[in-house]
């Protein structure tokens, strides 16, 4: 048993003794009770010195553990709590405690759609009640991106359970590009979140490539218990190592992408890299920078780069530079046409 655990057992034992105001407690009495408590936990006798208990009492009196226990000595021999109702197990939360708990509860509630958190839901409720009773009219200071109206979130736990239990799903799905719903078997591997959307990663068949399905495009989920689950070792960290987002274009190899970032956006890109592979190549006198990324190009990467507008320029490879130019030219052409809204008005 660790020394920290031993100390906690002694603190609780001393606290329990001093709550009994109908008995006078000497230092020797406290030593004996602590020895018995440790023997019960350890299954063997553990010698405790007088100095150890004296140090424990000093620690309990101090602010180091947040106890501030009002332990006093009377008749130069006996120990007691000056406040008869005091206990180290019933200490009011400090403002710092409440702030930390408020933010922790808020963050844990982001995962309420998963059953693995159902066991702590009652604890969270009690924490919220405790926090509210101690500290009302306060607002959390940490906000996580979330979209409660996003479709498909109610499938999260159902899919999670299927992955854990290795059950083949029968999914009714309608992609943005499809006019009709499509129904197929699917072997679920993992759930992945990106840009505030959830995706199911897996395979339709063993011979087919890994596929990602957006949960907001899933219409319905059923199960096929007669079909054997595809046992495949899927290393998500390795699979997504060289991409941004969730789309992995099979057959493509990662390529070095050279970008110019203007002085306005350079600090943001430097402090929050676009990808783990980002390397700073050059800092220019005007504050702009050159960086390299090592990525497999995909839709999500293009959207990220386009989001910088005129603050970013793709220098290499040539095909990606030309593709970005084409997209931007088409975007500019939209603003060169008459305003459709005004025409239809």
C-alpha atoms as a PDB file:
ATOM      1  CA  UNK A   1       0.000   0.000   0.000  1.00  0.00           C
ATOM      2  CA  UNK A   2       1.382   3.416  -0.892  1.00  0.00           C
ATOM      3  CA  UNK A   3       2.358   5.936   1.740  1.00  0.00           C
ATOM      4  CA  UNK A   4      -0.279   8.331   0.403  1.00  0.00           C
ATOM      5  CA  UNK A   5      -2.988   5.699   0.909  1.00  0.00           C
ATOM      6  CA  UNK A   6      -1.665   4.973   4.397  1.00  0.00           C
ATOM      7  CA  UNK A   7      -1.842   8.662   5.248  1.00  0.00           C
ATOM      8  CA  UNK A   8      -5.424   8.963   3.964  1.00  0.00           C
ATOM      9  CA  UNK A   9      -6.486   6.007   6.100  1.00  0.00           C
ATOM     10  CA  UNK A  10      -4.888   7.635   9.142  1.00  0.00           C
ATOM     11  CA  UNK A  11      -6.592  10.990   8.423  1.00  0.00           C
ATOM     12  CA  UNK A  12      -9.992   9.306   8.120  1.00  0.00           C
ATOM     13  CA  UNK A  13      -9.393   7.290  11.290  1.00  0.00           C
ATOM     14  CA  UNK A  14      -8.352  10.348  13.297  1.00  0.00           C
ATOM     15  CA  UNK A  15     -11.378  12.214  11.934  1.00  0.00           C
ATOM     16  CA  UNK A  16     -13.712   9.391  12.944  1.00  0.00           C
ATOM     17  CA  UNK A  17     -12.224   9.318  16.437  1.00  0.00           C
ATOM     18  CA  UNK A  18     -12.500  13.064  17.022  1.00  0.00           C
ATOM     19  CA  UNK A  19     -16.135  13.055  15.842  1.00  0.00           C
ATOM     20  CA  UNK A  20     -16.889  10.910  18.891  1.00  0.00           C
ATOM     21  CA  UNK A  21     -17.185  13.669  21.460  1.00  0.00           C
ATOM     22  CA  UNK A  22     -18.242  11.265  24.192  1.00  0.00           C
ATOM     23  CA  UNK A  23     -14.719   9.966  24.609  1.00  0.00           C
ATOM     24  CA  UNK A  24     -11.447  11.658  25.481  1.00  0.00           C
ATOM     25  CA  UNK A  25      -8.723  10.964  22.921  1.00  0.00           C
ATOM     26  CA  UNK A  26      -5.062  10.853  23.845  1.00  0.00           C
ATOM     27  CA  UNK A  27      -2.265  10.627  21.308  1.00  0.00           C
ATOM     28  CA  UNK A  28      -1.801   6.978  22.290  1.00  0.00           C
ATOM     29  CA  UNK A  29      -5.490   6.301  21.620  1.00  0.00           C
ATOM     30  CA  UNK A  30      -5.214   7.781  18.153  1.00  0.00           C
ATOM     31  CA  UNK A  31      -2.083   5.737  17.422  1.00  0.00           C
ATOM     32  CA  UNK A  32      -3.859   2.536  18.481  1.00  0.00           C
ATOM     33  CA  UNK A  33      -6.936   3.250  16.311  1.00  0.00           C
ATOM     34  CA  UNK A  34      -4.797   4.112  13.276  1.00  0.00           C
ATOM     35  CA  UNK A  35      -2.752   0.938  13.761  1.00  0.00           C
ATOM     36  CA  UNK A  36      -5.926  -1.157  13.856  1.00  0.00           C
ATOM     37  CA  UNK A  37      -7.290   0.546  10.715  1.00  0.00           C
ATOM     38  CA  UNK A  38      -4.088  -0.036   8.757  1.00  0.00           C
ATOM     39  CA  UNK A  39      -3.893  -3.641   9.934  1.00  0.00           C
ATOM     40  CA  UNK A  40      -7.459  -4.191   8.692  1.00  0.00           C
ATOM     41  CA  UNK A  41      -6.580  -2.811   5.243  1.00  0.00           C
ATOM     42  CA  UNK A  42      -3.111  -4.371   4.946  1.00  0.00           C
ATOM     43  CA  UNK A  43      -3.732  -7.653   6.705  1.00  0.00           C
ATOM     44  CA  UNK A  44      -0.619  -7.155   8.792  1.00  0.00           C
ATOM     45  CA  UNK A  45       0.599  -4.978  11.626  1.00  0.00           C
ATOM     46  CA  UNK A  46       2.196  -1.674  10.651  1.00  0.00           C
ATOM     47  CA  UNK A  47       4.046   0.218  13.377  1.00  0.00           C
ATOM     48  CA  UNK A  48       3.061   3.892  13.701  1.00  0.00           C
ATOM     49  CA  UNK A  49       5.210   6.335  15.627  1.00  0.00           C
ATOM     50  CA  UNK A  50       4.000   9.152  17.827  1.00  0.00           C
ATOM     51  CA  UNK A  51       5.747  11.573  15.492  1.00  0.00           C
ATOM     52  CA  UNK A  52       3.723  10.263  12.511  1.00  0.00           C
ATOM     53  CA  UNK A  53       0.374  10.971  14.184  1.00  0.00           C
ATOM     54  CA  UNK A  54       1.566  14.376  15.365  1.00  0.00           C
ATOM     55  CA  UNK A  55       2.507  15.240  11.779  1.00  0.00           C
ATOM     56  CA  UNK A  56      -0.864  13.929  10.578  1.00  0.00           C
ATOM     57  CA  UNK A  57      -2.660  16.244  12.995  1.00  0.00           C
ATOM     58  CA  UNK A  58      -0.593  19.178  11.791  1.00  0.00           C
ATOM     59  CA  UNK A  59      -1.369  18.307   8.182  1.00  0.00           C
ATOM     60  CA  UNK A  60      -5.087  18.063   8.938  1.00  0.00           C
ATOM     61  CA  UNK A  61      -4.957  21.473  10.640  1.00  0.00           C
ATOM     62  CA  UNK A  62      -3.244  23.081   7.652  1.00  0.00           C
ATOM     63  CA  UNK A  63      -4.617  24.327   4.341  1.00  0.00           C
ATOM     64  CA  UNK A  64      -2.448  21.957   2.281  1.00  0.00           C
ATOM     65  CA  UNK A  65      -5.194  19.346   1.979  1.00  0.00           C
ATOM     66  CA  UNK A  66      -8.025  21.848   2.281  1.00  0.00           C
ATOM     67  CA  UNK A  67      -9.116  20.354   5.630  1.00  0.00           C
ATOM     68  CA  UNK A  68      -8.329  23.255   7.996  1.00  0.00           C
ATOM     69  CA  UNK A  69      -9.393  20.898  10.768  1.00  0.00           C
ATOM     70  CA  UNK A  70     -10.041  22.738  14.100  1.00  0.00           C
ATOM     71  CA  UNK A  71      -8.115  20.194  16.191  1.00  0.00           C
ATOM     72  CA  UNK A  72      -7.303  21.494  19.678  1.00  0.00           C
ATOM     73  CA  UNK A  73      -5.606  20.061  22.763  1.00  0.00           C
ATOM     74  CA  UNK A  74      -7.225  20.433  26.159  1.00  0.00           C
ATOM     75  CA  UNK A  75      -5.917  19.561  29.599  1.00  0.00           C
ATOM     76  CA  UNK A  76      -2.535  19.298  27.835  1.00  0.00           C
ATOM     77  CA  UNK A  77      -3.386  15.718  26.943  1.00  0.00           C
ATOM     78  CA  UNK A  78      -6.598  15.213  25.018  1.00  0.00           C
ATOM     79  CA  UNK A  79      -7.472  15.982  21.406  1.00  0.00           C
ATOM     80  CA  UNK A  80     -10.843  17.076  20.039  1.00  0.00           C
ATOM     81  CA  UNK A  81     -12.530  19.165  17.342  1.00  0.00           C
ATOM     82  CA  UNK A  82     -13.201  22.698  18.547  1.00  0.00           C
ATOM     83  CA  UNK A  83     -16.267  22.555  16.285  1.00  0.00           C
ATOM     84  CA  UNK A  84     -18.191  19.460  17.356  1.00  0.00           C
ATOM     85  CA  UNK A  85     -19.938  19.186  13.971  1.00  0.00           C
ATOM     86  CA  UNK A  86     -16.730  19.289  11.925  1.00  0.00           C
ATOM     87  CA  UNK A  87     -15.587  16.405   9.712  1.00  0.00           C
ATOM     88  CA  UNK A  88     -13.016  16.266   6.933  1.00  0.00           C
ATOM     89  CA  UNK A  89     -15.587  14.321   4.874  1.00  0.00           C
ATOM     90  CA  UNK A  90     -18.043  17.219   4.946  1.00  0.00           C
ATOM     91  CA  UNK A  91     -15.961  20.174   3.809  1.00  0.00           C
ATOM     92  CA  UNK A  92     -17.722  22.849   1.728  1.00  0.00           C
ATOM     93  CA  UNK A  93     -16.421  23.258  -1.801  1.00  0.00           C
ATOM     94  CA  UNK A  94     -14.103  26.173  -2.404  1.00  0.00           C
ATOM     95  CA  UNK A  95     -14.721  28.562  -5.286  1.00  0.00           C
ATOM     96  CA  UNK A  96     -11.856  26.951  -7.196  1.00  0.00           C
ATOM     97  CA  UNK A  97     -13.326  23.488  -6.570  1.00  0.00           C
ATOM     98  CA  UNK A  98     -16.696  24.605  -7.871  1.00  0.00           C
ATOM     99  CA  UNK A  99     -15.223  26.218 -10.975  1.00  0.00           C
ATOM    100  CA  UNK A 100     -13.278  23.054 -11.806  1.00  0.00           C
ATOM    101  CA  UNK A 101     -16.301  20.816 -11.194  1.00  0.00           C
ATOM    102  CA  UNK A 102     -18.572  23.062 -13.256  1.00  0.00           C
ATOM    103  CA  UNK A 103     -16.290  22.832 -16.289  1.00  0.00           C
ATOM    104  CA  UNK A 104     -15.644  19.110 -15.803  1.00  0.00           C
ATOM    105  CA  UNK A 105     -19.364  18.323 -15.651  1.00  0.00           C
ATOM    106  CA  UNK A 106     -19.949  20.490 -18.718  1.00  0.00           C
ATOM    107  CA  UNK A 107     -17.292  18.645 -20.733  1.00  0.00           C
ATOM    108  CA  UNK A 108     -18.417  15.177 -19.639  1.00  0.00           C
ATOM    109  CA  UNK A 109     -21.980  15.966 -20.672  1.00  0.00           C
ATOM    110  CA  UNK A 110     -20.762  16.365 -24.253  1.00  0.00           C
ATOM    111  CA  UNK A 111     -20.653  12.550 -24.349  1.00  0.00           C
ATOM    112  CA  UNK A 112     -24.168  11.958 -23.024  1.00  0.00           C
ATOM    113  CA  UNK A 113     -25.090  10.025 -26.189  1.00  0.00           C
ATOM    114  CA  UNK A 114     -22.773   7.155 -25.237  1.00  0.00           C
ATOM    115  CA  UNK A 115     -23.984   4.478 -22.832  1.00  0.00           C
ATOM    116  CA  UNK A 116     -20.479   4.033 -21.434  1.00  0.00           C
ATOM    117  CA  UNK A 117     -21.133   7.304 -19.600  1.00  0.00           C
ATOM    118  CA  UNK A 118     -24.524   6.189 -18.274  1.00  0.00           C
ATOM    119  CA  UNK A 119     -22.907   4.836 -15.128  1.00  0.00           C
ATOM    120  CA  UNK A 120     -21.678   8.301 -14.219  1.00  0.00           C
ATOM    121  CA  UNK A 121     -24.888  10.150 -15.134  1.00  0.00           C
ATOM    122  CA  UNK A 122     -26.172   9.955 -11.568  1.00  0.00           C
ATOM    123  CA  UNK A 123     -22.828  11.188 -10.288  1.00  0.00           C
ATOM    124  CA  UNK A 124     -22.933  14.107 -12.714  1.00  0.00           C
ATOM    125  CA  UNK A 125     -26.455  14.950 -11.559  1.00  0.00           C
ATOM    126  CA  UNK A 126     -25.379  14.952  -7.932  1.00  0.00           C
ATOM    127  CA  UNK A 127     -22.364  17.072  -8.781  1.00  0.00           C
ATOM    128  CA  UNK A 128     -24.570  19.566 -10.595  1.00  0.00           C
ATOM    129  CA  UNK A 129     -26.938  19.711  -7.636  1.00  0.00           C
ATOM    130  CA  UNK A 130     -24.026  20.220  -5.241  1.00  0.00           C
ATOM    131  CA  UNK A 131     -22.496  22.917  -7.398  1.00  0.00           C
ATOM    132  CA  UNK A 132     -25.830  24.688  -7.784  1.00  0.00           C
ATOM    133  CA  UNK A 133     -26.475  24.674  -4.049  1.00  0.00           C
ATOM    134  CA  UNK A 134     -23.013  26.017  -3.339  1.00  0.00           C
ATOM    135  CA  UNK A 135     -22.727  28.446  -6.206  1.00  0.00           C
ATOM    136  CA  UNK A 136     -25.670  29.759  -8.183  1.00  0.00           C
ATOM    137  CA  UNK A 137     -26.028  32.293 -10.974  1.00  0.00           C
ATOM    138  CA  UNK A 138     -22.731  31.365 -12.591  1.00  0.00           C
ATOM    139  CA  UNK A 139     -21.874  30.616 -16.196  1.00  0.00           C
ATOM    140  CA  UNK A 140     -19.291  28.084 -17.447  1.00  0.00           C
ATOM    141  CA  UNK A 141     -16.115  29.600 -18.828  1.00  0.00           C
ATOM    142  CA  UNK A 142     -15.219  26.658 -21.090  1.00  0.00           C
ATOM    143  CA  UNK A 143     -17.365  26.064 -24.158  1.00  0.00           C
ATOM    144  CA  UNK A 144     -16.829  23.171 -26.547  1.00  0.00           C
ATOM    145  CA  UNK A 145     -18.108  23.194 -30.116  1.00  0.00           C
ATOM    146  CA  UNK A 146     -21.292  21.200 -30.333  1.00  0.00           C
ATOM    147  CA  UNK A 147     -24.321  20.989 -32.569  1.00  0.00           C
ATOM    148  CA  UNK A 148     -27.305  19.564 -30.727  1.00  0.00           C
ATOM    149  CA  UNK A 149     -29.421  19.751 -33.904  1.00  0.00           C
ATOM    150  CA  UNK A 150     -27.051  17.594 -35.933  1.00  0.00           C
ATOM    151  CA  UNK A 151     -28.889  14.590 -37.345  1.00  0.00           C
ATOM    152  CA  UNK A 152     -27.790  11.066 -36.527  1.00  0.00           C
ATOM    153  CA  UNK A 153     -26.514  11.672 -33.006  1.00  0.00           C
ATOM    154  CA  UNK A 154     -29.103   9.234 -31.636  1.00  0.00           C
ATOM    155  CA  UNK A 155     -27.283   6.461 -33.546  1.00  0.00           C
ATOM    156  CA  UNK A 156     -24.029   7.052 -31.648  1.00  0.00           C
ATOM    157  CA  UNK A 157     -24.568   4.630 -28.810  1.00  0.00           C
ATOM    158  CA  UNK A 158     -26.238   2.005 -30.983  1.00  0.00           C
ATOM    159  CA  UNK A 159     -23.207   1.974 -33.269  1.00  0.00           C
ATOM    160  CA  UNK A 160     -20.808   2.056 -30.346  1.00  0.00           C
ATOM    161  CA  UNK A 161     -22.424  -1.054 -28.871  1.00  0.00           C
ATOM    162  CA  UNK A 162     -22.291  -2.819 -32.248  1.00  0.00           C
ATOM    163  CA  UNK A 163     -18.552  -2.114 -32.524  1.00  0.00           C
ATOM    164  CA  UNK A 164     -17.878  -3.378 -29.008  1.00  0.00           C
ATOM    165  CA  UNK A 165     -19.989  -6.506 -29.510  1.00  0.00           C
ATOM    166  CA  UNK A 166     -18.778  -7.050 -33.104  1.00  0.00           C
ATOM    167  CA  UNK A 167     -22.191  -7.103 -34.713  1.00  0.00           C
ATOM    168  CA  UNK A 168     -22.764  -6.602 -38.449  1.00  0.00           C
ATOM    169  CA  UNK A 169     -25.049  -3.654 -39.172  1.00  0.00           C
ATOM    170  CA  UNK A 170     -27.678  -3.315 -41.872  1.00  0.00           C
ATOM    171  CA  UNK A 171     -27.639   0.371 -42.733  1.00  0.00           C
ATOM    172  CA  UNK A 172     -30.124   2.392 -44.740  1.00  0.00           C
ATOM    173  CA  UNK A 173     -28.143   5.320 -46.082  1.00  0.00           C
ATOM    174  CA  UNK A 174     -28.661   8.292 -48.372  1.00  0.00           C
ATOM    175  CA  UNK A 175     -25.606  10.278 -49.363  1.00  0.00           C
ATOM    176  CA  UNK A 176     -25.794  13.869 -50.539  1.00  0.00           C
ATOM    177  CA  UNK A 177     -25.031  12.710 -54.079  1.00  0.00           C
ATOM    178  CA  UNK A 178     -27.645   9.956 -54.186  1.00  0.00           C
ATOM    179  CA  UNK A 179     -31.299  10.428 -55.082  1.00  0.00           C
ATOM    180  CA  UNK A 180     -32.382   7.137 -53.548  1.00  0.00           C
ATOM    181  CA  UNK A 181     -31.786   5.440 -50.225  1.00  0.00           C
ATOM    182  CA  UNK A 182     -29.320   2.559 -50.272  1.00  0.00           C
ATOM    183  CA  UNK A 183     -29.410  -0.452 -47.949  1.00  0.00           C
ATOM    184  CA  UNK A 184     -26.317  -2.553 -47.267  1.00  0.00           C
ATOM    185  CA  UNK A 185     -24.410  -4.630 -44.708  1.00  0.00           C
ATOM    186  CA  UNK A 186     -21.647  -2.846 -42.853  1.00  0.00           C
ATOM    187  CA  UNK A 187     -18.879  -4.056 -40.538  1.00  0.00           C
ATOM    188  CA  UNK A 188     -18.245  -1.169 -38.089  1.00  0.00           C
ATOM    189  CA  UNK A 189     -14.663  -0.563 -36.917  1.00  0.00           C
ATOM    190  CA  UNK A 190     -14.582   2.817 -35.190  1.00  0.00           C
ATOM    191  CA  UNK A 191     -16.464   6.074 -34.687  1.00  0.00           C
ATOM    192  CA  UNK A 192     -14.613   9.261 -35.644  1.00  0.00           C
ATOM    193  CA  UNK A 193     -15.467  12.901 -35.017  1.00  0.00           C
ATOM    194  CA  UNK A 194     -14.255  15.674 -37.300  1.00  0.00           C
ATOM    195  CA  UNK A 195     -15.329  19.285 -37.581  1.00  0.00           C
ATOM    196  CA  UNK A 196     -18.288  18.688 -35.262  1.00  0.00           C
ATOM    197  CA  UNK A 197     -19.621  15.761 -37.353  1.00  0.00           C
ATOM    198  CA  UNK A 198     -19.537  12.055 -36.545  1.00  0.00           C
ATOM    199  CA  UNK A 199     -18.510   9.339 -38.973  1.00  0.00           C
ATOM    200  CA  UNK A 200     -18.700   5.552 -38.884  1.00  0.00           C
ATOM    201  CA  UNK A 201     -15.633   3.839 -40.310  1.00  0.00           C
ATOM    202  CA  UNK A 202     -15.723   0.253 -41.531  1.00  0.00           C
ATOM    203  CA  UNK A 203     -16.238  -2.038 -44.530  1.00  0.00           C
ATOM    204  CA  UNK A 204     -19.181  -3.313 -46.537  1.00  0.00           C
ATOM    205  CA  UNK A 205     -17.253  -6.469 -47.434  1.00  0.00           C
ATOM    206  CA  UNK A 206     -13.814  -7.849 -46.720  1.00  0.00           C
ATOM    207  CA  UNK A 207     -12.794  -7.380 -50.351  1.00  0.00           C
ATOM    208  CA  UNK A 208     -13.901  -3.728 -50.439  1.00  0.00           C
ATOM    209  CA  UNK A 209     -11.956  -0.691 -49.203  1.00  0.00           C
ATOM    210  CA  UNK A 210     -12.521   0.997 -45.875  1.00  0.00           C
ATOM    211  CA  UNK A 211     -15.463   3.386 -46.059  1.00  0.00           C
ATOM    212  CA  UNK A 212     -16.643   6.303 -43.932  1.00  0.00           C
ATOM    213  CA  UNK A 213     -20.352   7.001 -43.415  1.00  0.00           C
ATOM    214  CA  UNK A 214     -21.630  10.305 -42.055  1.00  0.00           C
ATOM    215  CA  UNK A 215     -24.057   9.645 -39.210  1.00  0.00           C
ATOM    216  CA  UNK A 216     -26.288  12.494 -40.361  1.00  0.00           C
ATOM    217  CA  UNK A 217     -26.909  10.615 -43.633  1.00  0.00           C
ATOM    218  CA  UNK A 218     -27.928   7.338 -41.942  1.00  0.00           C
ATOM    219  CA  UNK A 219     -31.683   6.764 -42.228  1.00  0.00           C
ATOM    220  CA  UNK A 220     -31.992   3.561 -40.198  1.00  0.00           C
ATOM    221  CA  UNK A 221     -29.936   0.835 -38.544  1.00  0.00           C
ATOM    222  CA  UNK A 222     -30.709  -2.867 -38.176  1.00  0.00           C
ATOM    223  CA  UNK A 223     -28.612  -5.949 -37.343  1.00  0.00           C
ATOM    224  CA  UNK A 224     -27.663  -9.182 -39.052  1.00  0.00           C
ATOM    225  CA  UNK A 225     -26.676 -11.684 -36.360  1.00  0.00           C
ATOM    226  CA  UNK A 226     -26.323 -14.478 -38.902  1.00  0.00           C
ATOM    227  CA  UNK A 227     -23.465 -12.825 -40.778  1.00  0.00           C
ATOM    228  CA  UNK A 228     -20.005 -13.255 -39.299  1.00  0.00           C
ATOM    229  CA  UNK A 229     -18.343 -10.016 -38.262  1.00  0.00           C
ATOM    230  CA  UNK A 230     -15.243  -9.147 -40.275  1.00  0.00           C
ATOM    231  CA  UNK A 231     -12.314  -9.602 -37.900  1.00  0.00           C
ATOM    232  CA  UNK A 232      -9.815  -7.083 -39.192  1.00  0.00           C
ATOM    233  CA  UNK A 233      -7.056  -5.303 -37.311  1.00  0.00           C
ATOM    234  CA  UNK A 234      -7.744  -1.651 -37.986  1.00  0.00           C
ATOM    235  CA  UNK A 235      -5.105   0.833 -36.796  1.00  0.00           C
ATOM    236  CA  UNK A 236      -6.904   4.180 -36.875  1.00  0.00           C
ATOM    237  CA  UNK A 237      -3.831   6.173 -35.881  1.00  0.00           C
ATOM    238  CA  UNK A 238      -1.816   4.798 -38.777  1.00  0.00           C
ATOM    239  CA  UNK A 239      -4.730   4.952 -41.225  1.00  0.00           C
ATOM    240  CA  UNK A 240      -5.397   8.658 -40.612  1.00  0.00           C
ATOM    241  CA  UNK A 241      -1.792   9.687 -40.079  1.00  0.00           C
ATOM    242  CA  UNK A 242      -1.377  11.419 -43.439  1.00  0.00           C
ATOM    243  CA  UNK A 243      -4.752  13.063 -43.923  1.00  0.00           C
ATOM    244  CA  UNK A 244      -6.900  15.893 -42.649  1.00  0.00           C
ATOM    245  CA  UNK A 245     -10.450  14.822 -41.790  1.00  0.00           C
ATOM    246  CA  UNK A 246     -11.896  11.407 -42.588  1.00  0.00           C
ATOM    247  CA  UNK A 247     -11.586  10.855 -46.343  1.00  0.00           C
ATOM    248  CA  UNK A 248      -8.690   8.580 -47.300  1.00  0.00           C
ATOM    249  CA  UNK A 249      -8.278   8.353 -51.065  1.00  0.00           C
ATOM    250  CA  UNK A 250      -7.100   4.774 -51.488  1.00  0.00           C
ATOM    251  CA  UNK A 251      -4.200   4.248 -53.859  1.00  0.00           C
ATOM    252  CA  UNK A 252      -2.741   7.712 -53.301  1.00  0.00           C
ATOM    253  CA  UNK A 253       0.512   8.241 -51.468  1.00  0.00           C
ATOM    254  CA  UNK A 254       1.225  11.221 -49.207  1.00  0.00           C
ATOM    255  CA  UNK A 255       2.903  14.117 -50.995  1.00  0.00           C
ATOM    256  CA  UNK A 256       4.843  17.164 -49.914  1.00  0.00           C
ATOM    257  CA  UNK A 257       2.635  20.242 -50.158  1.00  0.00           C
ATOM    258  CA  UNK A 258       4.316  23.651 -50.078  1.00  0.00           C
ATOM    259  CA  UNK A 259       2.259  26.615 -48.875  1.00  0.00           C
ATOM    260  CA  UNK A 260       2.819  30.348 -48.553  1.00  0.00           C
ATOM    261  CA  UNK A 261       0.983  31.958 -45.629  1.00  0.00           C
ATOM    262  CA  UNK A 262       0.655  35.739 -45.363  1.00  0.00           C
ATOM    263  CA  UNK A 263       1.789  37.759 -42.345  1.00  0.00           C
ATOM    264  CA  UNK A 264      -1.742  38.048 -40.937  1.00  0.00           C
ATOM    265  CA  UNK A 265      -2.353  34.290 -40.815  1.00  0.00           C
ATOM    266  CA  UNK A 266       1.226  33.170 -40.142  1.00  0.00           C
ATOM    267  CA  UNK A 267       0.980  33.389 -36.314  1.00  0.00           C
ATOM    268  CA  UNK A 268      -2.219  31.306 -36.307  1.00  0.00           C
ATOM    269  CA  UNK A 269      -0.750  28.604 -38.540  1.00  0.00           C
ATOM    270  CA  UNK A 270       2.492  28.567 -36.553  1.00  0.00           C
ATOM    271  CA  UNK A 271       0.792  28.184 -33.175  1.00  0.00           C
ATOM    272  CA  UNK A 272      -1.978  25.871 -34.451  1.00  0.00           C
ATOM    273  CA  UNK A 273      -0.458  23.691 -37.197  1.00  0.00           C
ATOM    274  CA  UNK A 274      -2.712  22.614 -40.040  1.00  0.00           C
ATOM    275  CA  UNK A 275      -1.469  19.043 -39.567  1.00  0.00           C
ATOM    276  CA  UNK A 276       1.027  17.137 -37.449  1.00  0.00           C
ATOM    277  CA  UNK A 277       3.356  16.901 -40.453  1.00  0.00           C
ATOM    278  CA  UNK A 278       3.663  20.702 -40.757  1.00  0.00           C
ATOM    279  CA  UNK A 279       7.221  22.025 -40.958  1.00  0.00           C
ATOM    280  CA  UNK A 280       8.311  25.656 -41.075  1.00  0.00           C
ATOM    281  CA  UNK A 281      10.646  26.159 -44.052  1.00  0.00           C
ATOM    282  CA  UNK A 282      11.187  29.886 -44.137  1.00  0.00           C
ATOM    283  CA  UNK A 283      10.198  33.094 -42.379  1.00  0.00           C
ATOM    284  CA  UNK A 284      10.128  36.050 -44.777  1.00  0.00           C
ATOM    285  CA  UNK A 285      10.989  39.637 -43.890  1.00  0.00           C
ATOM    286  CA  UNK A 286       7.393  40.767 -44.444  1.00  0.00           C
ATOM    287  CA  UNK A 287       6.157  38.312 -41.783  1.00  0.00           C
ATOM    288  CA  UNK A 288       4.851  35.706 -44.217  1.00  0.00           C
ATOM    289  CA  UNK A 289       6.056  32.118 -43.987  1.00  0.00           C
ATOM    290  CA  UNK A 290       6.631  29.040 -46.131  1.00  0.00           C
ATOM    291  CA  UNK A 291       5.545  25.670 -44.726  1.00  0.00           C
ATOM    292  CA  UNK A 292       5.526  22.067 -45.880  1.00  0.00           C
ATOM    293  CA  UNK A 293       2.796  19.514 -45.213  1.00  0.00           C
ATOM    294  CA  UNK A 294       3.109  15.804 -45.933  1.00  0.00           C
ATOM    295  CA  UNK A 295      -0.407  14.699 -46.808  1.00  0.00           C
ATOM    296  CA  UNK A 296      -2.690  12.673 -49.013  1.00  0.00           C
ATOM    297  CA  UNK A 297      -4.848  15.391 -50.610  1.00  0.00           C
ATOM    298  CA  UNK A 298      -8.577  15.089 -49.991  1.00  0.00           C
ATOM    299  CA  UNK A 299     -11.782  17.106 -49.870  1.00  0.00           C
ATOM    300  CA  UNK A 300     -11.343  18.183 -46.242  1.00  0.00           C
ATOM    301  CA  UNK A 301      -7.815  19.449 -46.903  1.00  0.00           C
ATOM    302  CA  UNK A 302      -9.004  21.517 -49.861  1.00  0.00           C
ATOM    303  CA  UNK A 303     -11.771  23.105 -47.805  1.00  0.00           C
ATOM    304  CA  UNK A 304      -9.311  23.944 -45.050  1.00  0.00           C
ATOM    305  CA  UNK A 305      -6.876  25.614 -47.441  1.00  0.00           C
ATOM    306  CA  UNK A 306      -9.627  27.481 -49.305  1.00  0.00           C
ATOM    307  CA  UNK A 307     -10.843  28.839 -45.986  1.00  0.00           C
ATOM    308  CA  UNK A 308      -7.761  31.064 -45.801  1.00  0.00           C
ATOM    309  CA  UNK A 309      -8.818  32.916 -48.957  1.00  0.00           C
ATOM    310  CA  UNK A 310      -6.111  35.275 -50.193  1.00  0.00           C
ATOM    311  CA  UNK A 311      -4.040  34.589 -47.057  1.00  0.00           C
ATOM    312  CA  UNK A 312      -2.723  31.300 -48.428  1.00  0.00           C
ATOM    313  CA  UNK A 313      -1.142  30.211 -51.707  1.00  0.00           C
ATOM    314  CA  UNK A 314      -0.436  26.643 -52.803  1.00  0.00           C
ATOM    315  CA  UNK A 315       3.011  26.637 -54.390  1.00  0.00           C
ATOM    316  CA  UNK A 316       3.503  22.900 -54.937  1.00  0.00           C
ATOM    317  CA  UNK A 317       2.548  20.384 -56.260  1.00  0.00           C
ATOM    318  CA  UNK A 318       1.503  21.897 -59.566  1.00  0.00           C
ATOM    319  CA  UNK A 319      -1.691  19.840 -59.968  1.00  0.00           C
ATOM    320  CA  UNK A 320      -2.989  20.987 -56.571  1.00  0.00           C
ATOM    321  CA  UNK A 321      -2.066  24.601 -57.328  1.00  0.00           C
ATOM    322  CA  UNK A 322      -4.012  24.397 -60.618  1.00  0.00           C
ATOM    323  CA  UNK A 323      -7.002  22.776 -58.917  1.00  0.00           C
ATOM    324  CA  UNK A 324      -7.158  25.478 -56.247  1.00  0.00           C
ATOM    325  CA  UNK A 325      -6.871  28.159 -58.929  1.00  0.00           C
ATOM    326  CA  UNK A 326      -9.754  26.611 -60.872  1.00  0.00           C
ATOM    327  CA  UNK A 327     -11.980  26.519 -57.783  1.00  0.00           C
ATOM    328  CA  UNK A 328     -11.158  30.144 -56.908  1.00  0.00           C
ATOM    329  CA  UNK A 329     -11.720  31.276 -60.525  1.00  0.00           C
ATOM    330  CA  UNK A 330     -15.154  29.657 -60.457  1.00  0.00           C
ATOM    331  CA  UNK A 331     -15.886  31.345 -57.144  1.00  0.00           C
ATOM    332  CA  UNK A 332     -14.865  34.752 -58.542  1.00  0.00           C
ATOM    333  CA  UNK A 333     -17.095  34.218 -61.568  1.00  0.00           C
ATOM    334  CA  UNK A 334     -20.099  33.946 -59.252  1.00  0.00           C
ATOM    335  CA  UNK A 335     -19.495  37.519 -58.116  1.00  0.00           C
ATOM    336  CA  UNK A 336     -19.066  38.770 -61.647  1.00  0.00           C
ATOM    337  CA  UNK A 337     -22.596  37.686 -62.567  1.00  0.00           C
ATOM    338  CA  UNK A 338     -25.718  39.748 -61.724  1.00  0.00           C
ATOM    339  CA  UNK A 339     -27.045  39.326 -58.194  1.00  0.00           C
ATOM    340  CA  UNK A 340     -29.550  36.471 -58.465  1.00  0.00           C
ATOM    341  CA  UNK A 341     -31.424  37.620 -55.380  1.00  0.00           C
ATOM    342  CA  UNK A 342     -32.023  41.045 -56.843  1.00  0.00           C
ATOM    343  CA  UNK A 343     -33.107  39.564 -60.206  1.00  0.00           C
ATOM    344  CA  UNK A 344     -35.676  37.320 -58.527  1.00  0.00           C
ATOM    345  CA  UNK A 345     -36.955  40.092 -56.254  1.00  0.00           C
END
